[in-house]
Protein backbone atom coordinates (compact mmCIF):
# COMPACT_ATOMS: atom_id res chain seq x y z
CA UNK A 1 0.00 0.00 0.00
CA UNK A 2 1.28 3.45 -0.91
CA UNK A 3 2.01 6.00 1.79
CA UNK A 4 1.88 9.78 1.75
CA UNK A 5 5.10 11.74 2.32
CA UNK A 6 5.88 15.40 2.73
CA UNK A 7 9.09 15.92 0.76
CA UNK A 8 11.41 18.92 0.89
CA UNK A 9 13.86 19.25 -2.01
CA UNK A 10 16.62 21.72 -1.19
CA UNK A 11 18.59 23.82 -3.65
CA UNK A 12 21.58 26.04 -3.23
CA UNK A 13 22.09 29.25 -5.10
CA UNK A 14 23.78 32.59 -4.80
CA UNK A 15 23.75 36.21 -5.89
CA UNK A 16 26.88 38.15 -6.77
CA UNK A 17 27.36 41.75 -5.66
CA UNK A 18 30.15 44.30 -5.97
CA UNK A 19 30.47 46.08 -2.62
CA UNK A 20 32.71 48.92 -1.46
CA UNK A 21 33.90 48.19 2.11
CA UNK A 22 36.97 48.28 4.36
CA UNK A 23 36.93 44.56 5.27
CA UNK A 24 35.51 41.30 3.94
CA UNK A 25 33.11 40.99 6.88
CA UNK A 26 31.83 44.53 6.30
CA UNK A 27 31.32 43.72 2.60
CA UNK A 28 29.32 40.59 3.47
CA UNK A 29 27.15 42.51 5.96
CA UNK A 30 26.42 45.19 3.36
CA UNK A 31 25.67 42.65 0.62
CA UNK A 32 23.19 40.79 2.85
CA UNK A 33 21.03 43.93 2.85
CA UNK A 34 20.84 44.10 -0.96
CA UNK A 35 17.78 42.76 -2.77
CA UNK A 36 17.98 39.28 -4.25
CA UNK A 37 18.63 39.20 -7.99
CA UNK A 38 15.92 36.67 -8.89
CA UNK A 39 17.23 36.08 -12.42
CA UNK A 40 20.73 35.26 -11.19
CA UNK A 41 19.60 33.02 -8.34
CA UNK A 42 17.30 30.97 -10.60
CA UNK A 43 20.04 30.59 -13.20
CA UNK A 44 22.53 29.10 -10.76
CA UNK A 45 20.35 26.89 -8.56
CA UNK A 46 21.81 23.45 -7.94
CA UNK A 47 20.36 20.44 -6.17
CA UNK A 48 21.56 19.97 -2.61
CA UNK A 49 20.73 16.27 -2.41
CA UNK A 50 22.37 15.81 1.00
CA UNK A 51 19.73 18.07 2.55
CA UNK A 52 16.65 16.55 0.88
CA UNK A 53 14.16 15.10 3.34
CA UNK A 54 11.00 13.01 3.33
CA UNK A 55 8.68 12.43 6.27
CA UNK A 56 5.73 10.09 6.26
CA UNK A 57 2.45 11.86 6.91
CA UNK A 58 0.30 9.71 9.14
CA UNK A 59 -2.12 12.27 10.55
CA UNK A 60 -3.69 13.20 7.19
CA UNK A 61 -2.96 10.12 5.10
CA UNK A 62 -6.60 9.03 5.01
CA UNK A 63 -7.70 12.41 3.60
CA UNK A 64 -5.30 12.41 0.62
CA UNK A 65 -6.09 10.37 -2.48
PDB file of N, CA and C in Angstrom:
ATOM      1  N   UNK A   1       0.842  -1.185   0.000  1.00  0.00           N
ATOM      2  CA  UNK A   1       0.000   0.000   0.000  1.00  0.00           C
ATOM      3  C   UNK A   1       0.886   1.247   0.000  1.00  0.00           C
ATOM      4  N   UNK A   2       0.519   2.199  -0.830  1.00  0.00           N
ATOM      5  CA  UNK A   2       1.280   3.446  -0.911  1.00  0.00           C
ATOM      6  C   UNK A   2       1.063   4.292   0.331  1.00  0.00           C
ATOM      7  N   UNK A   3       2.074   5.081   0.652  1.00  0.00           N
ATOM      8  CA  UNK A   3       2.015   5.995   1.787  1.00  0.00           C
ATOM      9  C   UNK A   3       2.136   7.420   1.276  1.00  0.00           C
ATOM     10  N   UNK A   4       1.771   8.364   2.095  1.00  0.00           N
ATOM     11  CA  UNK A   4       1.882   9.777   1.749  1.00  0.00           C
ATOM     12  C   UNK A   4       3.081  10.363   2.482  1.00  0.00           C
ATOM     13  N   UNK A   5       3.910  11.121   1.747  1.00  0.00           N
ATOM     14  CA  UNK A   5       5.101  11.739   2.323  1.00  0.00           C
ATOM     15  C   UNK A   5       5.101  13.231   2.028  1.00  0.00           C
ATOM     16  N   UNK A   6       5.576  13.994   2.977  1.00  0.00           N
ATOM     17  CA  UNK A   6       5.882  15.402   2.728  1.00  0.00           C
ATOM     18  C   UNK A   6       7.366  15.448   2.413  1.00  0.00           C
ATOM     19  N   UNK A   7       7.703  15.950   1.228  1.00  0.00           N
ATOM     20  CA  UNK A   7       9.088  15.923   0.761  1.00  0.00           C
ATOM     21  C   UNK A   7       9.582  17.352   0.561  1.00  0.00           C
ATOM     22  N   UNK A   8      10.760  17.632   1.082  1.00  0.00           N
ATOM     23  CA  UNK A   8      11.409  18.923   0.885  1.00  0.00           C
ATOM     24  C   UNK A   8      12.658  18.696   0.045  1.00  0.00           C
ATOM     25  N   UNK A   9      12.707  19.324  -1.127  1.00  0.00           N
ATOM     26  CA  UNK A   9      13.864  19.252  -2.009  1.00  0.00           C
ATOM     27  C   UNK A   9      14.603  20.582  -1.876  1.00  0.00           C
ATOM     28  N   UNK A  10      15.838  20.508  -1.439  1.00  0.00           N
ATOM     29  CA  UNK A  10      16.618  21.718  -1.195  1.00  0.00           C
ATOM     30  C   UNK A  10      17.502  22.042  -2.399  1.00  0.00           C
ATOM     31  N   UNK A  11      17.711  23.321  -2.594  1.00  0.00           N
ATOM     32  CA  UNK A  11      18.586  23.816  -3.646  1.00  0.00           C
ATOM     33  C   UNK A  11      19.515  24.866  -3.053  1.00  0.00           C
ATOM     34  N   UNK A  12      20.671  24.969  -3.641  1.00  0.00           N
ATOM     35  CA  UNK A  12      21.581  26.037  -3.231  1.00  0.00           C
ATOM     36  C   UNK A  12      21.727  27.001  -4.400  1.00  0.00           C
ATOM     37  N   UNK A  13      21.917  28.230  -4.073  1.00  0.00           N
ATOM     38  CA  UNK A  13      22.091  29.249  -5.095  1.00  0.00           C
ATOM     39  C   UNK A  13      22.787  30.448  -4.489  1.00  0.00           C
ATOM     40  N   UNK A  14      23.093  31.410  -5.315  1.00  0.00           N
ATOM     41  CA  UNK A  14      23.784  32.586  -4.803  1.00  0.00           C
ATOM     42  C   UNK A  14      23.509  33.785  -5.695  1.00  0.00           C
ATOM     43  N   UNK A  15      23.758  34.967  -5.143  1.00  0.00           N
ATOM     44  CA  UNK A  15      23.745  36.214  -5.893  1.00  0.00           C
ATOM     45  C   UNK A  15      25.113  36.853  -5.732  1.00  0.00           C
ATOM     46  N   UNK A  16      25.578  37.504  -6.775  1.00  0.00           N
ATOM     47  CA  UNK A  16      26.883  38.153  -6.767  1.00  0.00           C
ATOM     48  C   UNK A  16      26.692  39.663  -6.708  1.00  0.00           C
ATOM     49  N   UNK A  17      27.429  40.302  -5.812  1.00  0.00           N
ATOM     50  CA  UNK A  17      27.358  41.752  -5.660  1.00  0.00           C
ATOM     51  C   UNK A  17      28.762  42.332  -5.661  1.00  0.00           C
ATOM     52  N   UNK A  18      28.898  43.560  -6.109  1.00  0.00           N
ATOM     53  CA  UNK A  18      30.150  44.305  -5.966  1.00  0.00           C
ATOM     54  C   UNK A  18      29.908  45.346  -4.885  1.00  0.00           C
ATOM     55  N   UNK A  19      30.712  45.270  -3.809  1.00  0.00           N
ATOM     56  CA  UNK A  19      30.472  46.082  -2.622  1.00  0.00           C
ATOM     57  C   UNK A  19      31.737  46.841  -2.250  1.00  0.00           C
ATOM     58  N   UNK A  20      31.592  48.114  -1.951  1.00  0.00           N
ATOM     59  CA  UNK A  20      32.711  48.917  -1.460  1.00  0.00           C
ATOM     60  C   UNK A  20      32.699  48.843   0.067  1.00  0.00           C
ATOM     61  N   UNK A  21      33.814  48.347   0.655  1.00  0.00           N
ATOM     62  CA  UNK A  21      33.902  48.191   2.108  1.00  0.00           C
ATOM     63  C   UNK A  21      35.362  48.158   2.528  1.00  0.00           C
ATOM     64  N   UNK A  22      35.605  48.301   3.826  1.00  0.00           N
ATOM     65  CA  UNK A  22      36.969  48.275   4.358  1.00  0.00           C
ATOM     66  C   UNK A  22      37.457  46.858   4.640  1.00  0.00           C
ATOM     67  N   UNK A  23      36.540  45.943   4.953  1.00  0.00           N
ATOM     68  CA  UNK A  23      36.925  44.563   5.267  1.00  0.00           C
ATOM     69  C   UNK A  23      35.967  43.594   4.591  1.00  0.00           C
ATOM     70  N   UNK A  24      36.374  42.327   4.518  1.00  0.00           N
ATOM     71  CA  UNK A  24      35.506  41.300   3.938  1.00  0.00           C
ATOM     72  C   UNK A  24      34.213  41.161   4.733  1.00  0.00           C
ATOM     73  N   UNK A  25      34.320  41.161   6.060  1.00  0.00           N
ATOM     74  CA  UNK A  25      33.112  40.990   6.879  1.00  0.00           C
ATOM     75  C   UNK A  25      32.150  42.169   6.700  1.00  0.00           C
ATOM     76  N   UNK A  26      32.686  43.364   6.550  1.00  0.00           N
ATOM     77  CA  UNK A  26      31.833  44.528   6.295  1.00  0.00           C
ATOM     78  C   UNK A  26      31.152  44.391   4.935  1.00  0.00           C
ATOM     79  N   UNK A  27      31.891  43.911   3.942  1.00  0.00           N
ATOM     80  CA  UNK A  27      31.321  43.723   2.603  1.00  0.00           C
ATOM     81  C   UNK A  27      30.183  42.709   2.636  1.00  0.00           C
ATOM     82  N   UNK A  28      30.372  41.616   3.366  1.00  0.00           N
ATOM     83  CA  UNK A  28      29.324  40.593   3.468  1.00  0.00           C
ATOM     84  C   UNK A  28      28.093  41.176   4.154  1.00  0.00           C
ATOM     85  N   UNK A  29      28.283  41.904   5.244  1.00  0.00           N
ATOM     86  CA  UNK A  29      27.150  42.510   5.960  1.00  0.00           C
ATOM     87  C   UNK A  29      26.373  43.462   5.057  1.00  0.00           C
ATOM     88  N   UNK A  30      27.085  44.260   4.276  1.00  0.00           N
ATOM     89  CA  UNK A  30      26.421  45.186   3.356  1.00  0.00           C
ATOM     90  C   UNK A  30      25.654  44.425   2.277  1.00  0.00           C
ATOM     91  N   UNK A  31      26.292  43.400   1.714  1.00  0.00           N
ATOM     92  CA  UNK A  31      25.667  42.650   0.619  1.00  0.00           C
ATOM     93  C   UNK A  31      24.410  41.920   1.083  1.00  0.00           C
ATOM     94  N   UNK A  32      24.375  41.488   2.331  1.00  0.00           N
ATOM     95  CA  UNK A  32      23.187  40.794   2.853  1.00  0.00           C
ATOM     96  C   UNK A  32      21.955  41.692   2.861  1.00  0.00           C
ATOM     97  N   UNK A  33      22.148  42.979   2.836  1.00  0.00           N
ATOM     98  CA  UNK A  33      21.033  43.934   2.846  1.00  0.00           C
ATOM     99  C   UNK A  33      20.508  44.232   1.441  1.00  0.00           C
ATOM    100  N   UNK A  34      21.246  43.833   0.418  1.00  0.00           N
ATOM    101  CA  UNK A  34      20.838  44.104  -0.956  1.00  0.00           C
ATOM    102  C   UNK A  34      19.674  43.191  -1.351  1.00  0.00           C
ATOM    103  N   UNK A  35      18.857  43.631  -2.287  1.00  0.00           N
ATOM    104  CA  UNK A  35      17.777  42.760  -2.768  1.00  0.00           C
ATOM    105  C   UNK A  35      18.341  41.567  -3.538  1.00  0.00           C
ATOM    106  N   UNK A  36      17.588  40.491  -3.521  1.00  0.00           N
ATOM    107  CA  UNK A  36      17.981  39.282  -4.246  1.00  0.00           C
ATOM    108  C   UNK A  36      17.761  39.502  -5.740  1.00  0.00           C
ATOM    109  N   UNK A  37      18.750  39.158  -6.537  1.00  0.00           N
ATOM    110  CA  UNK A  37      18.630  39.203  -7.990  1.00  0.00           C
ATOM    111  C   UNK A  37      17.982  37.885  -8.420  1.00  0.00           C
ATOM    112  N   UNK A  38      16.666  37.908  -8.617  1.00  0.00           N
ATOM    113  CA  UNK A  38      15.920  36.674  -8.890  1.00  0.00           C
ATOM    114  C   UNK A  38      16.405  35.962 -10.148  1.00  0.00           C
ATOM    115  N   UNK A  39      16.750  36.713 -11.190  1.00  0.00           N
ATOM    116  CA  UNK A  39      17.227  36.075 -12.421  1.00  0.00           C
ATOM    117  C   UNK A  39      18.518  35.312 -12.179  1.00  0.00           C
ATOM    118  N   UNK A  40      19.446  35.922 -11.449  1.00  0.00           N
ATOM    119  CA  UNK A  40      20.725  35.256 -11.187  1.00  0.00           C
ATOM    120  C   UNK A  40      20.543  34.024 -10.312  1.00  0.00           C
ATOM    121  N   UNK A  41      19.739  34.144  -9.269  1.00  0.00           N
ATOM    122  CA  UNK A  41      19.599  33.020  -8.341  1.00  0.00           C
ATOM    123  C   UNK A  41      18.918  31.831  -9.022  1.00  0.00           C
ATOM    124  N   UNK A  42      17.943  32.074  -9.886  1.00  0.00           N
ATOM    125  CA  UNK A  42      17.297  30.970 -10.598  1.00  0.00           C
ATOM    126  C   UNK A  42      18.236  30.328 -11.614  1.00  0.00           C
ATOM    127  N   UNK A  43      19.115  31.123 -12.208  1.00  0.00           N
ATOM    128  CA  UNK A  43      20.044  30.587 -13.204  1.00  0.00           C
ATOM    129  C   UNK A  43      21.134  29.712 -12.608  1.00  0.00           C
ATOM    130  N   UNK A  44      21.441  29.888 -11.319  1.00  0.00           N
ATOM    131  CA  UNK A  44      22.535  29.102 -10.756  1.00  0.00           C
ATOM    132  C   UNK A  44      22.102  28.134  -9.659  1.00  0.00           C
ATOM    133  N   UNK A  45      20.804  27.859  -9.553  1.00  0.00           N
ATOM    134  CA  UNK A  45      20.346  26.887  -8.562  1.00  0.00           C
ATOM    135  C   UNK A  45      20.909  25.504  -8.861  1.00  0.00           C
ATOM    136  N   UNK A  46      21.339  24.827  -7.819  1.00  0.00           N
ATOM    137  CA  UNK A  46      21.814  23.453  -7.944  1.00  0.00           C
ATOM    138  C   UNK A  46      21.163  22.608  -6.865  1.00  0.00           C
ATOM    139  N   UNK A  47      20.911  21.345  -7.182  1.00  0.00           N
ATOM    140  CA  UNK A  47      20.359  20.443  -6.174  1.00  0.00           C
ATOM    141  C   UNK A  47      21.328  20.285  -5.021  1.00  0.00           C
ATOM    142  N   UNK A  48      20.775  20.218  -3.824  1.00  0.00           N
ATOM    143  CA  UNK A  48      21.555  19.969  -2.615  1.00  0.00           C
ATOM    144  C   UNK A  48      21.018  18.675  -2.029  1.00  0.00           C
ATOM    145  N   UNK A  49      21.324  17.566  -2.707  1.00  0.00           N
ATOM    146  CA  UNK A  49      20.727  16.267  -2.407  1.00  0.00           C
ATOM    147  C   UNK A  49      20.956  15.817  -0.973  1.00  0.00           C
ATOM    148  N   UNK A  50      22.075  16.222  -0.368  1.00  0.00           N
ATOM    149  CA  UNK A  50      22.373  15.808   1.002  1.00  0.00           C
ATOM    150  C   UNK A  50      21.354  16.364   1.994  1.00  0.00           C
ATOM    151  N   UNK A  51      20.678  17.439   1.635  1.00  0.00           N
ATOM    152  CA  UNK A  51      19.725  18.073   2.549  1.00  0.00           C
ATOM    153  C   UNK A  51      18.282  17.643   2.303  1.00  0.00           C
ATOM    154  N   UNK A  52      18.012  16.959   1.184  1.00  0.00           N
ATOM    155  CA  UNK A  52      16.646  16.545   0.877  1.00  0.00           C
ATOM    156  C   UNK A  52      16.094  15.673   1.997  1.00  0.00           C
ATOM    157  N   UNK A  53      14.774  15.770   2.203  1.00  0.00           N
ATOM    158  CA  UNK A  53      14.165  15.096   3.341  1.00  0.00           C
ATOM    159  C   UNK A  53      12.756  14.647   2.977  1.00  0.00           C
ATOM    160  N   UNK A  54      12.363  13.500   3.487  1.00  0.00           N
ATOM    161  CA  UNK A  54      10.996  13.015   3.326  1.00  0.00           C
ATOM    162  C   UNK A  54      10.515  12.504   4.670  1.00  0.00           C
ATOM    163  N   UNK A  55       9.270  12.844   4.995  1.00  0.00           N
ATOM    164  CA  UNK A  55       8.685  12.426   6.265  1.00  0.00           C
ATOM    165  C   UNK A  55       7.295  11.883   5.994  1.00  0.00           C
ATOM    166  N   UNK A  56       7.036  10.689   6.477  1.00  0.00           N
ATOM    167  CA  UNK A  56       5.725  10.089   6.263  1.00  0.00           C
ATOM    168  C   UNK A  56       4.671  10.902   6.997  1.00  0.00           C
ATOM    169  N   UNK A  57       3.562  11.136   6.316  1.00  0.00           N
ATOM    170  CA  UNK A  57       2.446  11.864   6.910  1.00  0.00           C
ATOM    171  C   UNK A  57       1.412  10.841   7.338  1.00  0.00           C
ATOM    172  N   UNK A  58       1.252  10.686   8.614  1.00  0.00           N
ATOM    173  CA  UNK A  58       0.297   9.707   9.138  1.00  0.00           C
ATOM    174  C   UNK A  58      -1.024  10.386   9.477  1.00  0.00           C
ATOM    175  N   UNK A  59      -0.950  11.565  10.054  1.00  0.00           N
ATOM    176  CA  UNK A  59      -2.122  12.273  10.555  1.00  0.00           C
ATOM    177  C   UNK A  59      -3.179  12.497   9.472  1.00  0.00           C
ATOM    178  N   UNK A  60      -2.751  12.852   8.251  1.00  0.00           N
ATOM    179  CA  UNK A  60      -3.692  13.204   7.194  1.00  0.00           C
ATOM    180  C   UNK A  60      -3.733  12.181   6.056  1.00  0.00           C
ATOM    181  N   UNK A  61      -3.075  11.076   6.200  1.00  0.00           N
ATOM    182  CA  UNK A  61      -2.955  10.117   5.099  1.00  0.00           C
ATOM    183  C   UNK A  61      -4.304   9.644   4.588  1.00  0.00           C
ATOM    184  N   UNK A  62      -5.287   9.515   5.439  1.00  0.00           N
ATOM    185  CA  UNK A  62      -6.598   9.026   5.012  1.00  0.00           C
ATOM    186  C   UNK A  62      -7.380  10.069   4.219  1.00  0.00           C
ATOM    187  N   UNK A  63      -6.982  11.342   4.309  1.00  0.00           N
ATOM    188  CA  UNK A  63      -7.696  12.406   3.604  1.00  0.00           C
ATOM    189  C   UNK A  63      -7.113  12.709   2.231  1.00  0.00           C
ATOM    190  N   UNK A  64      -5.962  12.144   1.900  1.00  0.00           N
ATOM    191  CA  UNK A  64      -5.304  12.412   0.624  1.00  0.00           C
ATOM    192  C   UNK A  64      -5.486  11.215  -0.293  1.00  0.00           C
ATOM    193  N   UNK A  65      -5.861  11.472  -1.543  1.00  0.00           N
ATOM    194  CA  UNK A  65      -6.094  10.372  -2.484  1.00  0.00           C
ATOM    195  C   UNK A  65      -4.993  10.297  -3.497  1.00  0.00           C
TER     196      UNK A  65
END
